[in-house]
Amino acid sequence: MTEISNELEKLAVIAADLGLSADLRTKAIQLIGNIGTHEALIALLALVANKDLAKEERDLAIQQAREIIKSGR
């Protein structure tokens, strides 16, 4: 579980880092969604609330969050 938390934390930092390419941030958002845990859901919602991210990235984060909620994980 700790390993997943560490990976999730690293992915969340990558997803929010405006110094990185949009493609890399998008991939990180998708990977967070693939983790599918409650912690991943919280990380995705934090990205949705990040006004500095591009609209497309925030939309992707909300889509990923919605999928986690639908799956009931």
PDB file of N, CA and C in Angstrom:
ATOM      1  N   MET A   1       0.816  -1.189   0.000  1.00  0.00           N
ATOM      2  CA  MET A   1       0.000   0.000   0.000  1.00  0.00           C
ATOM      3  C   MET A   1       0.863   1.256   0.000  1.00  0.00           C
ATOM      4  N   THR A   2       1.957   1.211   0.734  1.00  0.00           N
ATOM      5  CA  THR A   2       2.857   2.360   0.778  1.00  0.00           C
ATOM      6  C   THR A   2       3.465   2.621  -0.590  1.00  0.00           C
ATOM      7  N   GLU A   3       3.752   1.546  -1.317  1.00  0.00           N
ATOM      8  CA  GLU A   3       4.325   1.688  -2.656  1.00  0.00           C
ATOM      9  C   GLU A   3       3.354   2.412  -3.583  1.00  0.00           C
ATOM     10  N   ILE A   4       2.069   2.073  -3.486  1.00  0.00           N
ATOM     11  CA  ILE A   4       1.058   2.741  -4.306  1.00  0.00           C
ATOM     12  C   ILE A   4       0.946   4.205  -3.904  1.00  0.00           C
ATOM     13  N   SER A   5       0.990   4.488  -2.617  1.00  0.00           N
ATOM     14  CA  SER A   5       0.910   5.875  -2.142  1.00  0.00           C
ATOM     15  C   SER A   5       2.084   6.698  -2.658  1.00  0.00           C
ATOM     16  N   ASN A   6       3.275   6.111  -2.645  1.00  0.00           N
ATOM     17  CA  ASN A   6       4.452   6.824  -3.160  1.00  0.00           C
ATOM     18  C   ASN A   6       4.318   7.076  -4.653  1.00  0.00           C
ATOM     19  N   GLU A   7       3.862   6.062  -5.389  1.00  0.00           N
ATOM     20  CA  GLU A   7       3.675   6.221  -6.835  1.00  0.00           C
ATOM     21  C   GLU A   7       2.619   7.275  -7.112  1.00  0.00           C
ATOM     22  N   LEU A   8       1.532   7.236  -6.367  1.00  0.00           N
ATOM     23  CA  LEU A   8       0.450   8.198  -6.538  1.00  0.00           C
ATOM     24  C   LEU A   8       0.932   9.617  -6.267  1.00  0.00           C
ATOM     25  N   GLU A   9       1.709   9.781  -5.219  1.00  0.00           N
ATOM     26  CA  GLU A   9       2.244  11.105  -4.886  1.00  0.00           C
ATOM     27  C   GLU A   9       3.137  11.629  -6.005  1.00  0.00           C
ATOM     28  N   LYS A  10       4.002  10.776  -6.542  1.00  0.00           N
ATOM     29  CA  LYS A  10       4.886  11.183  -7.640  1.00  0.00           C
ATOM     30  C   LYS A  10       4.084  11.552  -8.881  1.00  0.00           C
ATOM     31  N   LEU A  11       3.063  10.753  -9.199  1.00  0.00           N
ATOM     32  CA  LEU A  11       2.226  11.048 -10.364  1.00  0.00           C
ATOM     33  C   LEU A  11       1.461  12.353 -10.189  1.00  0.00           C
ATOM     34  N   ALA A  12       0.980  12.612  -8.979  1.00  0.00           N
ATOM     35  CA  ALA A  12       0.249  13.855  -8.719  1.00  0.00           C
ATOM     36  C   ALA A  12       1.160  15.069  -8.894  1.00  0.00           C
ATOM     37  N   VAL A  13       2.401  14.945  -8.464  1.00  0.00           N
ATOM     38  CA  VAL A  13       3.365  16.045  -8.640  1.00  0.00           C
ATOM     39  C   VAL A  13       3.626  16.275 -10.131  1.00  0.00           C
ATOM     40  N   ILE A  14       3.799  15.197 -10.878  1.00  0.00           N
ATOM     41  CA  ILE A  14       4.026  15.311 -12.326  1.00  0.00           C
ATOM     42  C   ILE A  14       2.814  15.947 -12.994  1.00  0.00           C
ATOM     43  N   ALA A  15       1.612  15.496 -12.637  1.00  0.00           N
ATOM     44  CA  ALA A  15       0.382  15.999 -13.262  1.00  0.00           C
ATOM     45  C   ALA A  15       0.175  17.484 -13.019  1.00  0.00           C
ATOM     46  N   ALA A  16       0.688  18.008 -11.918  1.00  0.00           N
ATOM     47  CA  ALA A  16       0.489  19.423 -11.586  1.00  0.00           C
ATOM     48  C   ALA A  16       1.673  20.305 -11.970  1.00  0.00           C
ATOM     49  N   ASP A  17       2.746  19.714 -12.477  1.00  0.00           N
ATOM     50  CA  ASP A  17       3.970  20.470 -12.788  1.00  0.00           C
ATOM     51  C   ASP A  17       3.848  21.148 -14.151  1.00  0.00           C
ATOM     52  N   LEU A  18       3.620  22.451 -14.136  1.00  0.00           N
ATOM     53  CA  LEU A  18       3.442  23.205 -15.384  1.00  0.00           C
ATOM     54  C   LEU A  18       4.733  23.345 -16.174  1.00  0.00           C
ATOM     55  N   GLY A  19       5.850  22.984 -15.576  1.00  0.00           N
ATOM     56  CA  GLY A  19       7.125  23.017 -16.284  1.00  0.00           C
ATOM     57  C   GLY A  19       7.314  21.826 -17.201  1.00  0.00           C
ATOM     58  N   LEU A  20       6.461  20.825 -17.054  1.00  0.00           N
ATOM     59  CA  LEU A  20       6.534  19.631 -17.902  1.00  0.00           C
ATOM     60  C   LEU A  20       5.570  19.771 -19.076  1.00  0.00           C
ATOM     61  N   SER A  21       5.737  18.924 -20.066  1.00  0.00           N
ATOM     62  CA  SER A  21       4.867  18.988 -21.240  1.00  0.00           C
ATOM     63  C   SER A  21       3.443  18.563 -20.890  1.00  0.00           C
ATOM     64  N   ALA A  22       2.493  19.077 -21.651  1.00  0.00           N
ATOM     65  CA  ALA A  22       1.092  18.719 -21.444  1.00  0.00           C
ATOM     66  C   ALA A  22       0.888  17.221 -21.663  1.00  0.00           C
ATOM     67  N   ASP A  23       1.616  16.644 -22.595  1.00  0.00           N
ATOM     68  CA  ASP A  23       1.506  15.213 -22.878  1.00  0.00           C
ATOM     69  C   ASP A  23       1.897  14.384 -21.659  1.00  0.00           C
ATOM     70  N   LEU A  24       2.968  14.778 -20.999  1.00  0.00           N
ATOM     71  CA  LEU A  24       3.427  14.063 -19.805  1.00  0.00           C
ATOM     72  C   LEU A  24       2.442  14.233 -18.650  1.00  0.00           C
ATOM     73  N   ARG A  25       1.913  15.440 -18.488  1.00  0.00           N
ATOM     74  CA  ARG A  25       0.911  15.673 -17.438  1.00  0.00           C
ATOM     75  C   ARG A  25      -0.346  14.848 -17.702  1.00  0.00           C
ATOM     76  N   THR A  26      -0.766  14.787 -18.955  1.00  0.00           N
ATOM     77  CA  THR A  26      -1.947  14.008 -19.331  1.00  0.00           C
ATOM     78  C   THR A  26      -1.742  12.531 -19.032  1.00  0.00           C
ATOM     79  N   LYS A  27      -0.583  12.014 -19.360  1.00  0.00           N
ATOM     80  CA  LYS A  27      -0.271  10.605 -19.096  1.00  0.00           C
ATOM     81  C   LYS A  27      -0.311  10.336 -17.592  1.00  0.00           C
ATOM     82  N   ALA A  28       0.205  11.266 -16.797  1.00  0.00           N
ATOM     83  CA  ALA A  28       0.188  11.102 -15.340  1.00  0.00           C
ATOM     84  C   ALA A  28      -1.251  11.069 -14.819  1.00  0.00           C
ATOM     85  N   ILE A  29      -2.114  11.918 -15.358  1.00  0.00           N
ATOM     86  CA  ILE A  29      -3.521  11.934 -14.954  1.00  0.00           C
ATOM     87  C   ILE A  29      -4.182  10.596 -15.274  1.00  0.00           C
ATOM     88  N   GLN A  30      -3.893  10.060 -16.457  1.00  0.00           N
ATOM     89  CA  GLN A  30      -4.455   8.770 -16.836  1.00  0.00           C
ATOM     90  C   GLN A  30      -3.965   7.655 -15.917  1.00  0.00           C
ATOM     91  N   LEU A  31      -2.700   7.699 -15.559  1.00  0.00           N
ATOM     92  CA  LEU A  31      -2.150   6.679 -14.672  1.00  0.00           C
ATOM     93  C   LEU A  31      -2.744   6.778 -13.269  1.00  0.00           C
ATOM     94  N   ILE A  32      -3.000   7.990 -12.805  1.00  0.00           N
ATOM     95  CA  ILE A  32      -3.663   8.156 -11.509  1.00  0.00           C
ATOM     96  C   ILE A  32      -5.051   7.523 -11.572  1.00  0.00           C
ATOM     97  N   GLY A  33      -5.760   7.772 -12.661  1.00  0.00           N
ATOM     98  CA  GLY A  33      -7.084   7.164 -12.832  1.00  0.00           C
ATOM     99  C   GLY A  33      -7.022   5.648 -12.843  1.00  0.00           C
ATOM    100  N   ASN A  34      -5.966   5.094 -13.424  1.00  0.00           N
ATOM    101  CA  ASN A  34      -5.807   3.637 -13.476  1.00  0.00           C
ATOM    102  C   ASN A  34      -5.583   3.034 -12.093  1.00  0.00           C
ATOM    103  N   ILE A  35      -5.011   3.801 -11.175  1.00  0.00           N
ATOM    104  CA  ILE A  35      -4.796   3.292  -9.820  1.00  0.00           C
ATOM    105  C   ILE A  35      -6.150   3.018  -9.165  1.00  0.00           C
ATOM    106  N   GLY A  36      -7.091   3.946  -9.339  1.00  0.00           N
ATOM    107  CA  GLY A  36      -8.473   3.705  -8.972  1.00  0.00           C
ATOM    108  C   GLY A  36      -8.814   3.624  -7.498  1.00  0.00           C
ATOM    109  N   THR A  37      -7.950   4.068  -6.631  1.00  0.00           N
ATOM    110  CA  THR A  37      -8.230   4.024  -5.192  1.00  0.00           C
ATOM    111  C   THR A  37      -8.897   5.323  -4.739  1.00  0.00           C
ATOM    112  N   HIS A  38      -9.319   5.318  -3.477  1.00  0.00           N
ATOM    113  CA  HIS A  38      -9.890   6.526  -2.887  1.00  0.00           C
ATOM    114  C   HIS A  38      -8.859   7.660  -2.898  1.00  0.00           C
ATOM    115  N   GLU A  39      -7.606   7.315  -2.611  1.00  0.00           N
ATOM    116  CA  GLU A  39      -6.537   8.314  -2.630  1.00  0.00           C
ATOM    117  C   GLU A  39      -6.336   8.875  -4.041  1.00  0.00           C
ATOM    118  N   ALA A  40      -6.473   8.022  -5.044  1.00  0.00           N
ATOM    119  CA  ALA A  40      -6.358   8.479  -6.435  1.00  0.00           C
ATOM    120  C   ALA A  40      -7.498   9.436  -6.768  1.00  0.00           C
ATOM    121  N   LEU A  41      -8.689   9.114  -6.285  1.00  0.00           N
ATOM    122  CA  LEU A  41      -9.841   9.990  -6.498  1.00  0.00           C
ATOM    123  C   LEU A  41      -9.590  11.367  -5.892  1.00  0.00           C
ATOM    124  N   ILE A  42      -9.071  11.396  -4.695  1.00  0.00           N
ATOM    125  CA  ILE A  42      -8.768  12.671  -4.035  1.00  0.00           C
ATOM    126  C   ILE A  42      -7.710  13.448  -4.820  1.00  0.00           C
ATOM    127  N   ALA A  43      -6.684  12.747  -5.303  1.00  0.00           N
ATOM    128  CA  ALA A  43      -5.635  13.402  -6.091  1.00  0.00           C
ATOM    129  C   ALA A  43      -6.216  13.983  -7.381  1.00  0.00           C
ATOM    130  N   LEU A  44      -7.107  13.241  -8.023  1.00  0.00           N
ATOM    131  CA  LEU A  44      -7.727  13.733  -9.254  1.00  0.00           C
ATOM    132  C   LEU A  44      -8.593  14.960  -8.982  1.00  0.00           C
ATOM    133  N   LEU A  45      -9.339  14.938  -7.897  1.00  0.00           N
ATOM    134  CA  LEU A  45     -10.175  16.094  -7.567  1.00  0.00           C
ATOM    135  C   LEU A  45      -9.330  17.320  -7.236  1.00  0.00           C
ATOM    136  N   ALA A  46      -8.171  17.104  -6.650  1.00  0.00           N
ATOM    137  CA  ALA A  46      -7.259  18.222  -6.391  1.00  0.00           C
ATOM    138  C   ALA A  46      -6.767  18.813  -7.717  1.00  0.00           C
ATOM    139  N   LEU A  47      -6.540  17.958  -8.703  1.00  0.00           N
ATOM    140  CA  LEU A  47      -6.121  18.451 -10.019  1.00  0.00           C
ATOM    141  C   LEU A  47      -7.253  19.219 -10.696  1.00  0.00           C
ATOM    142  N   VAL A  48      -8.471  18.753 -10.533  1.00  0.00           N
ATOM    143  CA  VAL A  48      -9.633  19.454 -11.092  1.00  0.00           C
ATOM    144  C   VAL A  48      -9.721  20.855 -10.512  1.00  0.00           C
ATOM    145  N   ALA A  49      -9.408  20.993  -9.240  1.00  0.00           N
ATOM    146  CA  ALA A  49      -9.494  22.286  -8.559  1.00  0.00           C
ATOM    147  C   ALA A  49      -8.320  23.207  -8.883  1.00  0.00           C
ATOM    148  N   ASN A  50      -7.293  22.675  -9.539  1.00  0.00           N
ATOM    149  CA  ASN A  50      -6.105  23.461  -9.859  1.00  0.00           C
ATOM    150  C   ASN A  50      -6.383  24.347 -11.076  1.00  0.00           C
ATOM    151  N   LYS A  51      -6.619  25.612 -10.833  1.00  0.00           N
ATOM    152  CA  LYS A  51      -6.973  26.565 -11.900  1.00  0.00           C
ATOM    153  C   LYS A  51      -5.822  26.822 -12.877  1.00  0.00           C
ATOM    154  N   ASP A  52      -4.603  26.449 -12.500  1.00  0.00           N
ATOM    155  CA  ASP A  52      -3.454  26.682 -13.375  1.00  0.00           C
ATOM    156  C   ASP A  52      -3.361  25.667 -14.506  1.00  0.00           C
ATOM    157  N   LEU A  53      -3.961  24.497 -14.317  1.00  0.00           N
ATOM    158  CA  LEU A  53      -3.917  23.471 -15.365  1.00  0.00           C
ATOM    159  C   LEU A  53      -4.810  23.877 -16.530  1.00  0.00           C
ATOM    160  N   ALA A  54      -4.483  23.351 -17.701  1.00  0.00           N
ATOM    161  CA  ALA A  54      -5.299  23.606 -18.888  1.00  0.00           C
ATOM    162  C   ALA A  54      -6.675  22.971 -18.707  1.00  0.00           C
ATOM    163  N   LYS A  55      -7.670  23.553 -19.345  1.00  0.00           N
ATOM    164  CA  LYS A  55      -9.042  23.051 -19.253  1.00  0.00           C
ATOM    165  C   LYS A  55      -9.109  21.580 -19.652  1.00  0.00           C
ATOM    166  N   GLU A  56      -8.390  21.191 -20.685  1.00  0.00           N
ATOM    167  CA  GLU A  56      -8.411  19.806 -21.161  1.00  0.00           C
ATOM    168  C   GLU A  56      -7.879  18.845 -20.097  1.00  0.00           C
ATOM    169  N   GLU A  57      -6.842  19.264 -19.390  1.00  0.00           N
ATOM    170  CA  GLU A  57      -6.266  18.428 -18.335  1.00  0.00           C
ATOM    171  C   GLU A  57      -7.232  18.310 -17.164  1.00  0.00           C
ATOM    172  N   ARG A  58      -7.887  19.394 -16.817  1.00  0.00           N
ATOM    173  CA  ARG A  58      -8.870  19.366 -15.736  1.00  0.00           C
ATOM    174  C   ARG A  58     -10.072  18.510 -16.139  1.00  0.00           C
ATOM    175  N   ASP A  59     -10.493  18.607 -17.393  1.00  0.00           N
ATOM    176  CA  ASP A  59     -11.591  17.768 -17.885  1.00  0.00           C
ATOM    177  C   ASP A  59     -11.225  16.287 -17.823  1.00  0.00           C
ATOM    178  N   LEU A  60     -10.000  15.963 -18.211  1.00  0.00           N
ATOM    179  CA  LEU A  60      -9.549  14.576 -18.143  1.00  0.00           C
ATOM    180  C   LEU A  60      -9.534  14.085 -16.699  1.00  0.00           C
ATOM    181  N   ALA A  61      -9.086  14.914 -15.788  1.00  0.00           N
ATOM    182  CA  ALA A  61      -9.048  14.533 -14.380  1.00  0.00           C
ATOM    183  C   ALA A  61     -10.453  14.266 -13.849  1.00  0.00           C
ATOM    184  N   ILE A  62     -11.430  15.074 -14.230  1.00  0.00           N
ATOM    185  CA  ILE A  62     -12.805  14.851 -13.761  1.00  0.00           C
ATOM    186  C   ILE A  62     -13.390  13.592 -14.392  1.00  0.00           C
ATOM    187  N   GLN A  63     -13.029  13.315 -15.643  1.00  0.00           N
ATOM    188  CA  GLN A  63     -13.487  12.078 -16.281  1.00  0.00           C
ATOM    189  C   GLN A  63     -12.915  10.857 -15.569  1.00  0.00           C
ATOM    190  N   GLN A  64     -11.637  10.927 -15.233  1.00  0.00           N
ATOM    191  CA  GLN A  64     -11.002   9.819 -14.530  1.00  0.00           C
ATOM    192  C   GLN A  64     -11.627   9.642 -13.143  1.00  0.00           C
ATOM    193  N   ALA A  65     -11.899  10.743 -12.466  1.00  0.00           N
ATOM    194  CA  ALA A  65     -12.533  10.683 -11.146  1.00  0.00           C
ATOM    195  C   ALA A  65     -13.931  10.064 -11.254  1.00  0.00           C
ATOM    196  N   ARG A  66     -14.652  10.445 -12.275  1.00  0.00           N
ATOM    197  CA  ARG A  66     -16.004   9.910 -12.490  1.00  0.00           C
ATOM    198  C   ARG A  66     -15.954   8.390 -12.686  1.00  0.00           C
ATOM    199  N   GLU A  67     -14.966   7.917 -13.422  1.00  0.00           N
ATOM    200  CA  GLU A  67     -14.825   6.470 -13.647  1.00  0.00           C
ATOM    201  C   GLU A  67     -14.533   5.724 -12.347  1.00  0.00           C
ATOM    202  N   ILE A  68     -13.726   6.320 -11.485  1.00  0.00           N
ATOM    203  CA  ILE A  68     -13.450   5.687 -10.186  1.00  0.00           C
ATOM    204  C   ILE A  68     -14.731   5.607  -9.364  1.00  0.00           C
ATOM    205  N   ILE A  69     -15.513   6.675  -9.382  1.00  0.00           N
ATOM    206  CA  ILE A  69     -16.765   6.687  -8.631  1.00  0.00           C
ATOM    207  C   ILE A  69     -17.729   5.643  -9.190  1.00  0.00           C
ATOM    208  N   LYS A  70     -17.846   5.565 -10.517  1.00  0.00           N
ATOM    209  CA  LYS A  70     -18.726   4.577 -11.146  1.00  0.00           C
ATOM    210  C   LYS A  70     -18.334   3.147 -10.796  1.00  0.00           C
ATOM    211  N   SER A  71     -17.047   2.908 -10.726  1.00  0.00           N
ATOM    212  CA  SER A  71     -16.573   1.549 -10.463  1.00  0.00           C
ATOM    213  C   SER A  71     -16.802   1.129  -9.018  1.00  0.00           C
ATOM    214  N   GLY A  72     -17.034   2.101  -8.144  1.00  0.00           N
ATOM    215  CA  GLY A  72     -17.304   1.813  -6.745  1.00  0.00           C
ATOM    216  C   GLY A  72     -16.100   1.351  -5.960  1.00  0.00           C
ATOM    217  N   ARG A  73     -14.892   1.658  -6.438  1.00  0.00           N
ATOM    218  CA  ARG A  73     -13.677   1.242  -5.724  1.00  0.00           C
ATOM    219  C   ARG A  73     -13.419   2.111  -4.539  1.00  0.00           C
TER     220      ARG A  73
END
